[in-house]
Amino acid sequence: MKVNRDLVVNDCIKKFPKTIGVFTKFSIDSCCGGAVPIEAAAKRDGADLDALLAALNKAASE
């Protein structure tokens, strides 16, 4: 499964635990703000969505 913009942050972390570091690096609130899709979290927290998704998919495949 590939990480995509519609996957909820908390679900991504549950399925791919190594992605927690990526969310931290991109300053995505994955604790209290993790119940939203990755796209919404990136917009909310000012992260580049394409770079975030690339980094998440890299971490998820490791």
N, C-alpha and C. Protein backbone atom coordinates (compact mmCIF):
# COMPACT_ATOMS: atom_id res chain seq x y z
N MET A 1 0.84 -1.19 0.00
CA MET A 1 0.00 0.00 0.00
C MET A 1 0.88 1.25 0.00
N LYS A 2 0.50 2.18 -0.80
CA LYS A 2 1.22 3.43 -0.88
C LYS A 2 0.53 4.48 -0.01
N VAL A 3 1.35 5.31 0.64
CA VAL A 3 0.81 6.40 1.44
C VAL A 3 0.29 7.46 0.48
N ASN A 4 -0.94 7.92 0.69
CA ASN A 4 -1.50 8.95 -0.18
C ASN A 4 -2.10 10.08 0.66
N ARG A 5 -2.47 11.15 -0.01
CA ARG A 5 -2.95 12.37 0.64
C ARG A 5 -4.22 12.17 1.44
N ASP A 6 -4.99 11.13 1.15
CA ASP A 6 -6.27 10.89 1.82
C ASP A 6 -6.15 10.04 3.08
N LEU A 7 -4.99 9.42 3.28
CA LEU A 7 -4.79 8.57 4.45
C LEU A 7 -4.72 9.45 5.70
N VAL A 8 -5.44 9.06 6.74
CA VAL A 8 -5.44 9.81 7.99
C VAL A 8 -4.07 9.64 8.67
N VAL A 9 -3.55 10.72 9.22
CA VAL A 9 -2.22 10.73 9.84
C VAL A 9 -2.08 9.59 10.84
N ASN A 10 -3.01 9.45 11.77
CA ASN A 10 -2.92 8.40 12.79
C ASN A 10 -2.94 7.00 12.18
N ASP A 11 -3.72 6.81 11.12
CA ASP A 11 -3.77 5.51 10.46
C ASP A 11 -2.44 5.21 9.77
N CYS A 12 -1.84 6.22 9.20
CA CYS A 12 -0.54 6.06 8.55
C CYS A 12 0.49 5.59 9.57
N ILE A 13 0.50 6.23 10.73
CA ILE A 13 1.47 5.87 11.77
C ILE A 13 1.23 4.45 12.28
N LYS A 14 -0.04 4.06 12.41
CA LYS A 14 -0.35 2.70 12.86
C LYS A 14 0.12 1.66 11.85
N LYS A 15 -0.10 1.93 10.56
CA LYS A 15 0.28 0.98 9.51
C LYS A 15 1.78 1.00 9.24
N PHE A 16 2.38 2.17 9.35
CA PHE A 16 3.80 2.35 9.04
C PHE A 16 4.48 3.13 10.17
N PRO A 17 4.84 2.46 11.26
CA PRO A 17 5.40 3.14 12.43
C PRO A 17 6.63 4.02 12.12
N LYS A 18 7.39 3.67 11.10
CA LYS A 18 8.58 4.45 10.77
C LYS A 18 8.25 5.84 10.24
N THR A 19 6.98 6.10 9.93
CA THR A 19 6.61 7.41 9.40
C THR A 19 6.51 8.48 10.48
N ILE A 20 6.49 8.10 11.75
CA ILE A 20 6.37 9.09 12.82
C ILE A 20 7.49 10.12 12.75
N GLY A 21 8.69 9.67 12.43
CA GLY A 21 9.82 10.59 12.31
C GLY A 21 9.66 11.58 11.17
N VAL A 22 9.01 11.14 10.10
CA VAL A 22 8.78 12.02 8.95
C VAL A 22 7.79 13.11 9.34
N PHE A 23 6.73 12.74 10.02
CA PHE A 23 5.76 13.75 10.46
C PHE A 23 6.44 14.77 11.39
N THR A 24 7.30 14.28 12.26
CA THR A 24 8.03 15.18 13.16
C THR A 24 8.93 16.12 12.37
N LYS A 25 9.66 15.57 11.41
CA LYS A 25 10.58 16.38 10.59
C LYS A 25 9.84 17.50 9.85
N PHE A 26 8.62 17.21 9.40
CA PHE A 26 7.84 18.19 8.65
C PHE A 26 6.94 19.04 9.55
N SER A 27 7.13 18.91 10.85
CA SER A 27 6.36 19.67 11.86
C SER A 27 4.85 19.45 11.75
N ILE A 28 4.48 18.21 11.45
CA ILE A 28 3.07 17.83 11.40
C ILE A 28 2.66 17.35 12.79
N ASP A 29 1.60 17.93 13.33
CA ASP A 29 1.09 17.53 14.63
C ASP A 29 0.41 16.17 14.48
N SER A 30 1.12 15.12 14.88
CA SER A 30 0.56 13.77 14.75
C SER A 30 -0.02 13.27 16.06
N CYS A 31 -0.02 14.09 17.06
CA CYS A 31 -0.59 13.70 18.35
C CYS A 31 -2.05 14.16 18.42
N CYS A 32 -2.24 15.39 18.81
CA CYS A 32 -3.60 15.93 18.93
C CYS A 32 -4.23 16.23 17.58
N GLY A 33 -3.41 16.47 16.57
CA GLY A 33 -3.93 16.82 15.25
C GLY A 33 -3.87 15.69 14.25
N GLY A 34 -3.74 14.46 14.72
CA GLY A 34 -3.54 13.33 13.83
C GLY A 34 -4.78 12.67 13.28
N ALA A 35 -5.95 13.21 13.58
CA ALA A 35 -7.20 12.57 13.14
C ALA A 35 -7.71 13.15 11.81
N VAL A 36 -6.82 13.73 11.03
CA VAL A 36 -7.20 14.33 9.75
C VAL A 36 -6.37 13.69 8.64
N PRO A 37 -6.84 13.79 7.39
CA PRO A 37 -6.05 13.27 6.27
C PRO A 37 -4.70 14.00 6.17
N ILE A 38 -3.73 13.33 5.60
CA ILE A 38 -2.39 13.90 5.45
C ILE A 38 -2.43 15.23 4.71
N GLU A 39 -3.25 15.34 3.67
CA GLU A 39 -3.33 16.59 2.91
C GLU A 39 -3.78 17.75 3.81
N ALA A 40 -4.80 17.52 4.63
CA ALA A 40 -5.30 18.57 5.52
C ALA A 40 -4.25 18.94 6.58
N ALA A 41 -3.54 17.94 7.09
CA ALA A 41 -2.51 18.20 8.10
C ALA A 41 -1.37 19.02 7.50
N ALA A 42 -0.98 18.70 6.27
CA ALA A 42 0.09 19.44 5.61
C ALA A 42 -0.31 20.89 5.40
N LYS A 43 -1.53 21.09 4.97
CA LYS A 43 -2.01 22.46 4.74
C LYS A 43 -2.07 23.22 6.07
N ARG A 44 -2.60 22.58 7.09
CA ARG A 44 -2.74 23.20 8.41
C ARG A 44 -1.38 23.58 9.01
N ASP A 45 -0.40 22.68 8.85
CA ASP A 45 0.89 22.88 9.50
C ASP A 45 1.96 23.47 8.58
N GLY A 46 1.58 23.83 7.35
CA GLY A 46 2.49 24.51 6.44
C GLY A 46 3.58 23.64 5.83
N ALA A 47 3.29 22.37 5.61
CA ALA A 47 4.27 21.46 5.02
C ALA A 47 4.01 21.31 3.52
N ASP A 48 5.08 21.08 2.76
CA ASP A 48 4.97 20.81 1.32
C ASP A 48 4.42 19.40 1.14
N LEU A 49 3.23 19.29 0.59
CA LEU A 49 2.54 18.00 0.49
C LEU A 49 3.32 16.99 -0.34
N ASP A 50 3.84 17.40 -1.49
CA ASP A 50 4.55 16.46 -2.36
C ASP A 50 5.81 15.92 -1.69
N ALA A 51 6.57 16.81 -1.04
CA ALA A 51 7.78 16.38 -0.34
C ALA A 51 7.43 15.47 0.84
N LEU A 52 6.36 15.82 1.54
CA LEU A 52 5.92 15.00 2.66
C LEU A 52 5.52 13.61 2.21
N LEU A 53 4.72 13.52 1.16
CA LEU A 53 4.29 12.21 0.66
C LEU A 53 5.48 11.37 0.18
N ALA A 54 6.43 12.01 -0.49
CA ALA A 54 7.62 11.28 -0.95
C ALA A 54 8.40 10.71 0.24
N ALA A 55 8.58 11.53 1.27
CA ALA A 55 9.31 11.09 2.46
C ALA A 55 8.54 10.01 3.21
N LEU A 56 7.23 10.13 3.29
CA LEU A 56 6.41 9.12 3.96
C LEU A 56 6.48 7.78 3.24
N ASN A 57 6.39 7.81 1.91
CA ASN A 57 6.45 6.57 1.14
C ASN A 57 7.82 5.92 1.24
N LYS A 58 8.86 6.74 1.30
CA LYS A 58 10.21 6.19 1.46
C LYS A 58 10.31 5.49 2.81
N ALA A 59 9.85 6.14 3.86
CA ALA A 59 9.91 5.55 5.21
C ALA A 59 9.03 4.31 5.30
N ALA A 60 7.87 4.34 4.68
CA ALA A 60 6.94 3.21 4.75
C ALA A 60 7.49 1.97 4.04
N SER A 61 8.34 2.19 3.03
CA SER A 61 8.87 1.06 2.27
C SER A 61 10.13 0.47 2.90
N GLU A 62 10.65 1.11 3.94
CA GLU A 62 11.87 0.61 4.59
C GLU A 62 11.57 -0.51 5.56
